[in-house]
């Protein structure tokens, strides 16, 4: 059996639902940690939206990378949650990694 190459449109809404759910949950945990440490205010809706948005974006990117690499689904799920928790820090680290592999 020949595997057909996947693209972002070949995944179901259910798959994207759990990916976004895990990533956003990771982002919420990050926001709550910042709140507990006193690094943000309780009603800072803009920061919460930013945290959730960057978590979702980072989670999707990590999902695509790991799916393309053939990583097991449970490992992918765990990494998506962790990436969501890392949010913009994860994007920064990914950017640094890619710069080291593909110098301009």
N, C-alpha and C. Protein backbone atom coordinates (compact mmCIF):
# COMPACT_ATOMS: atom_id res chain seq x y z
N UNK A 1 0.83 -1.18 0.00
CA UNK A 1 0.00 0.00 0.00
C UNK A 1 0.88 1.25 0.00
N UNK A 2 0.59 2.17 -0.87
CA UNK A 2 1.37 3.39 -0.99
C UNK A 2 0.70 4.48 -0.17
N UNK A 3 1.51 5.12 0.70
CA UNK A 3 0.98 6.23 1.49
C UNK A 3 0.86 7.47 0.62
N UNK A 4 -0.29 8.10 0.70
CA UNK A 4 -0.45 9.35 -0.03
C UNK A 4 0.07 10.48 0.84
N UNK A 5 0.76 11.42 0.23
CA UNK A 5 1.28 12.52 1.03
C UNK A 5 0.14 13.33 1.63
N UNK A 6 0.34 13.77 2.87
CA UNK A 6 -0.69 14.56 3.54
C UNK A 6 -0.40 16.04 3.39
N UNK A 7 -1.45 16.78 3.37
CA UNK A 7 -1.32 18.23 3.40
C UNK A 7 -2.28 18.75 4.47
N UNK A 8 -2.19 20.01 4.85
CA UNK A 8 -3.02 20.52 5.94
C UNK A 8 -4.52 20.33 5.74
N UNK A 9 -4.97 20.22 4.50
CA UNK A 9 -6.41 20.06 4.25
C UNK A 9 -6.87 18.61 4.33
N UNK A 10 -5.94 17.67 4.50
CA UNK A 10 -6.33 16.25 4.50
C UNK A 10 -6.72 15.74 5.89
N UNK A 11 -6.59 16.56 6.92
CA UNK A 11 -6.96 16.15 8.27
C UNK A 11 -8.40 16.55 8.56
N UNK A 12 -9.06 15.76 9.38
CA UNK A 12 -10.47 16.01 9.70
C UNK A 12 -10.61 17.15 10.71
N UNK A 13 -11.84 17.64 10.81
CA UNK A 13 -12.12 18.68 11.81
C UNK A 13 -11.92 18.13 13.21
N UNK A 14 -12.18 16.85 13.41
CA UNK A 14 -11.97 16.24 14.73
C UNK A 14 -10.50 16.27 15.09
N UNK A 15 -9.64 15.95 14.15
CA UNK A 15 -8.20 15.98 14.40
C UNK A 15 -7.76 17.39 14.77
N UNK A 16 -8.18 18.37 13.98
CA UNK A 16 -7.82 19.75 14.29
C UNK A 16 -8.45 20.19 15.61
N UNK A 17 -9.60 19.66 15.94
CA UNK A 17 -10.26 19.99 17.20
C UNK A 17 -9.43 19.57 18.40
N UNK A 18 -8.94 18.30 18.36
CA UNK A 18 -8.13 17.86 19.52
C UNK A 18 -6.78 18.55 19.54
N UNK A 19 -6.21 18.83 18.38
CA UNK A 19 -4.92 19.54 18.35
C UNK A 19 -5.09 20.94 18.94
N UNK A 20 -6.09 21.66 18.48
CA UNK A 20 -6.31 23.01 19.01
C UNK A 20 -6.70 22.97 20.48
N UNK A 21 -7.52 21.99 20.86
CA UNK A 21 -7.91 21.86 22.26
C UNK A 21 -6.73 21.66 23.18
N UNK A 22 -5.84 20.74 22.81
CA UNK A 22 -4.64 20.50 23.63
C UNK A 22 -3.74 21.72 23.69
N UNK A 23 -3.54 22.35 22.54
CA UNK A 23 -2.66 23.52 22.49
C UNK A 23 -3.24 24.67 23.31
N UNK A 24 -4.53 24.91 23.16
CA UNK A 24 -5.17 26.00 23.90
C UNK A 24 -5.16 25.70 25.39
N UNK A 25 -5.38 24.45 25.77
CA UNK A 25 -5.31 24.08 27.18
C UNK A 25 -3.91 24.38 27.73
N UNK A 26 -2.89 24.06 26.94
CA UNK A 26 -1.52 24.39 27.34
C UNK A 26 -1.33 25.89 27.51
N UNK A 27 -1.93 26.68 26.62
CA UNK A 27 -1.85 28.13 26.72
C UNK A 27 -2.56 28.66 27.95
N UNK A 28 -3.71 28.07 28.29
CA UNK A 28 -4.43 28.48 29.49
C UNK A 28 -3.63 28.17 30.76
N UNK A 29 -2.99 27.00 30.76
CA UNK A 29 -2.14 26.65 31.91
C UNK A 29 -1.01 27.66 32.05
N UNK A 30 -0.43 28.06 30.94
CA UNK A 30 0.64 29.06 30.98
C UNK A 30 0.13 30.38 31.53
N UNK A 31 -1.06 30.81 31.09
CA UNK A 31 -1.63 32.06 31.57
C UNK A 31 -1.91 31.98 33.07
N UNK A 32 -2.46 30.85 33.53
CA UNK A 32 -2.75 30.69 34.96
C UNK A 32 -1.47 30.69 35.80
N UNK A 33 -0.40 30.10 35.26
CA UNK A 33 0.88 30.13 35.97
C UNK A 33 1.38 31.56 36.10
N UNK A 34 1.29 32.33 35.01
CA UNK A 34 1.71 33.75 35.05
C UNK A 34 0.86 34.53 36.05
N UNK A 35 -0.43 34.21 36.09
CA UNK A 35 -1.33 34.87 37.02
C UNK A 35 -0.95 34.57 38.46
N UNK A 36 -0.67 33.31 38.75
CA UNK A 36 -0.30 32.90 40.11
C UNK A 36 1.03 33.52 40.53
N UNK A 37 1.96 33.66 39.58
CA UNK A 37 3.27 34.25 39.89
C UNK A 37 3.21 35.77 39.96
N UNK A 38 2.07 36.35 39.61
CA UNK A 38 1.92 37.80 39.65
C UNK A 38 2.47 38.51 38.44
N UNK A 39 2.69 37.79 37.35
CA UNK A 39 3.23 38.39 36.13
C UNK A 39 2.17 38.94 35.19
N UNK A 40 0.90 38.80 35.57
CA UNK A 40 -0.20 39.36 34.79
C UNK A 40 -1.36 39.65 35.73
N UNK A 41 -2.30 40.47 35.25
CA UNK A 41 -3.48 40.79 36.05
C UNK A 41 -4.62 39.82 35.71
N UNK A 42 -5.55 39.67 36.64
CA UNK A 42 -6.66 38.72 36.47
C UNK A 42 -7.49 39.05 35.24
N UNK A 43 -7.81 40.30 35.03
CA UNK A 43 -8.72 40.67 33.95
C UNK A 43 -7.99 41.20 32.71
N UNK A 44 -6.80 40.72 32.47
CA UNK A 44 -6.04 41.13 31.30
C UNK A 44 -6.45 40.25 30.11
N UNK A 45 -7.59 40.60 29.51
CA UNK A 45 -8.16 39.81 28.43
C UNK A 45 -7.25 39.79 27.20
N UNK A 46 -6.61 40.90 26.92
CA UNK A 46 -5.72 40.97 25.75
C UNK A 46 -4.57 39.98 25.90
N UNK A 47 -3.98 39.90 27.08
CA UNK A 47 -2.88 38.94 27.28
C UNK A 47 -3.39 37.50 27.18
N UNK A 48 -4.57 37.24 27.71
CA UNK A 48 -5.17 35.90 27.61
C UNK A 48 -5.40 35.53 26.16
N UNK A 49 -5.95 36.44 25.38
CA UNK A 49 -6.19 36.17 23.95
C UNK A 49 -4.86 35.94 23.24
N UNK A 50 -3.85 36.73 23.54
CA UNK A 50 -2.53 36.55 22.93
C UNK A 50 -1.93 35.20 23.29
N UNK A 51 -2.08 34.82 24.56
CA UNK A 51 -1.53 33.54 25.02
C UNK A 51 -2.22 32.37 24.31
N UNK A 52 -3.54 32.43 24.22
CA UNK A 52 -4.30 31.35 23.58
C UNK A 52 -4.01 31.29 22.07
N UNK A 53 -3.91 32.45 21.44
CA UNK A 53 -3.63 32.49 20.00
C UNK A 53 -2.25 31.94 19.69
N UNK A 54 -1.25 32.37 20.43
CA UNK A 54 0.11 31.85 20.17
C UNK A 54 0.19 30.37 20.51
N UNK A 55 -0.55 29.93 21.53
CA UNK A 55 -0.57 28.51 21.88
C UNK A 55 -1.18 27.69 20.75
N UNK A 56 -2.28 28.15 20.20
CA UNK A 56 -2.94 27.43 19.11
C UNK A 56 -2.04 27.36 17.88
N UNK A 57 -1.42 28.49 17.53
CA UNK A 57 -0.54 28.52 16.36
C UNK A 57 0.66 27.58 16.54
N UNK A 58 1.29 27.67 17.70
CA UNK A 58 2.44 26.82 17.98
C UNK A 58 2.05 25.34 17.98
N UNK A 59 0.89 25.03 18.56
CA UNK A 59 0.42 23.64 18.58
C UNK A 59 0.20 23.08 17.18
N UNK A 60 -0.40 23.88 16.31
CA UNK A 60 -0.64 23.43 14.93
C UNK A 60 0.68 23.20 14.20
N UNK A 61 1.62 24.11 14.35
CA UNK A 61 2.92 23.96 13.68
C UNK A 61 3.63 22.69 14.15
N UNK A 62 3.65 22.47 15.47
CA UNK A 62 4.29 21.27 16.01
C UNK A 62 3.58 20.02 15.52
N UNK A 63 2.25 20.05 15.47
CA UNK A 63 1.49 18.92 14.95
C UNK A 63 1.91 18.58 13.52
N UNK A 64 1.98 19.59 12.66
CA UNK A 64 2.36 19.34 11.27
C UNK A 64 3.78 18.79 11.17
N UNK A 65 4.70 19.35 11.93
CA UNK A 65 6.09 18.87 11.89
C UNK A 65 6.18 17.42 12.32
N UNK A 66 5.53 17.08 13.44
CA UNK A 66 5.61 15.71 13.95
C UNK A 66 4.84 14.72 13.07
N UNK A 67 3.74 15.13 12.52
CA UNK A 67 3.00 14.26 11.59
C UNK A 67 3.85 13.96 10.37
N UNK A 68 4.51 14.97 9.84
CA UNK A 68 5.36 14.76 8.68
C UNK A 68 6.56 13.87 9.01
N UNK A 69 7.00 13.91 10.26
CA UNK A 69 8.14 13.11 10.69
C UNK A 69 7.76 11.68 11.05
N UNK A 70 6.46 11.39 11.11
CA UNK A 70 6.02 10.03 11.41
C UNK A 70 6.07 9.68 12.89
N UNK A 71 6.00 10.67 13.77
CA UNK A 71 6.03 10.44 15.21
C UNK A 71 4.70 9.82 15.63
N UNK A 72 4.74 8.95 16.63
CA UNK A 72 3.54 8.27 17.12
C UNK A 72 2.50 9.29 17.60
N UNK A 73 1.21 9.00 17.40
CA UNK A 73 0.16 9.96 17.76
C UNK A 73 0.15 10.39 19.23
N UNK A 74 0.43 9.50 20.16
CA UNK A 74 0.42 9.90 21.57
C UNK A 74 1.58 10.84 21.89
N UNK A 75 2.72 10.60 21.29
CA UNK A 75 3.86 11.51 21.47
C UNK A 75 3.53 12.86 20.84
N UNK A 76 2.91 12.83 19.68
CA UNK A 76 2.50 14.07 19.01
C UNK A 76 1.55 14.85 19.90
N UNK A 77 0.57 14.16 20.49
CA UNK A 77 -0.40 14.83 21.36
C UNK A 77 0.29 15.49 22.55
N UNK A 78 1.22 14.78 23.17
CA UNK A 78 1.94 15.34 24.31
C UNK A 78 2.75 16.56 23.88
N UNK A 79 3.41 16.48 22.76
CA UNK A 79 4.23 17.60 22.27
C UNK A 79 3.37 18.80 21.90
N UNK A 80 2.18 18.56 21.37
CA UNK A 80 1.27 19.66 21.03
C UNK A 80 0.86 20.40 22.31
N UNK A 81 0.54 19.68 23.37
CA UNK A 81 0.19 20.31 24.64
C UNK A 81 1.35 21.11 25.21
N UNK A 82 2.53 20.55 25.15
CA UNK A 82 3.72 21.24 25.66
C UNK A 82 4.01 22.49 24.81
N UNK A 83 3.88 22.34 23.50
CA UNK A 83 4.10 23.48 22.61
C UNK A 83 3.08 24.58 22.88
N UNK A 84 1.84 24.20 23.14
CA UNK A 84 0.82 25.19 23.49
C UNK A 84 1.18 25.93 24.76
N UNK A 85 1.71 25.22 25.73
CA UNK A 85 2.13 25.84 26.98
C UNK A 85 3.29 26.78 26.75
N UNK A 86 4.17 26.43 25.84
CA UNK A 86 5.33 27.29 25.55
C UNK A 86 4.93 28.52 24.74
N UNK A 87 3.92 28.39 23.90
CA UNK A 87 3.41 29.52 23.12
C UNK A 87 4.49 30.25 22.35
N UNK A 88 4.61 31.55 22.60
CA UNK A 88 5.55 32.36 21.83
C UNK A 88 7.00 31.98 22.13
N UNK A 89 7.28 31.47 23.34
CA UNK A 89 8.65 30.98 23.62
C UNK A 89 8.99 29.82 22.70
N UNK A 90 8.02 28.95 22.45
CA UNK A 90 8.23 27.82 21.55
C UNK A 90 8.49 28.28 20.13
N UNK A 91 7.77 29.31 19.69
CA UNK A 91 8.01 29.85 18.35
C UNK A 91 9.41 30.43 18.24
N UNK A 92 9.85 31.11 19.28
CA UNK A 92 11.20 31.68 19.29
C UNK A 92 12.25 30.57 19.19
N UNK A 93 12.08 29.52 19.98
CA UNK A 93 13.04 28.41 19.95
C UNK A 93 13.04 27.71 18.59
N UNK A 94 11.85 27.53 18.02
CA UNK A 94 11.76 26.92 16.68
C UNK A 94 12.45 27.80 15.65
N UNK A 95 12.26 29.10 15.76
CA UNK A 95 12.93 30.02 14.84
C UNK A 95 14.45 29.92 14.97
N UNK A 96 14.96 29.87 16.18
CA UNK A 96 16.40 29.75 16.39
C UNK A 96 16.94 28.44 15.82
N UNK A 97 16.19 27.35 16.02
CA UNK A 97 16.60 26.05 15.49
C UNK A 97 16.66 26.10 13.97
N UNK A 98 15.63 26.66 13.34
CA UNK A 98 15.61 26.72 11.89
C UNK A 98 16.71 27.63 11.34
N UNK A 99 17.02 28.71 12.04
CA UNK A 99 18.11 29.58 11.62
C UNK A 99 19.44 28.85 11.66
N UNK A 100 19.62 27.97 12.66
CA UNK A 100 20.88 27.24 12.75
C UNK A 100 20.98 26.17 11.66
N UNK A 101 19.85 25.63 11.23
CA UNK A 101 19.87 24.59 10.19
C UNK A 101 19.90 25.15 8.78
N UNK A 102 19.28 26.34 8.62
CA UNK A 102 19.18 26.95 7.30
C UNK A 102 19.66 28.39 7.36
N UNK A 103 20.98 28.60 7.45
CA UNK A 103 21.48 29.98 7.52
C UNK A 103 21.16 30.76 6.24
N UNK A 104 20.85 32.01 6.43
CA UNK A 104 20.48 32.85 5.29
C UNK A 104 21.70 33.50 4.70
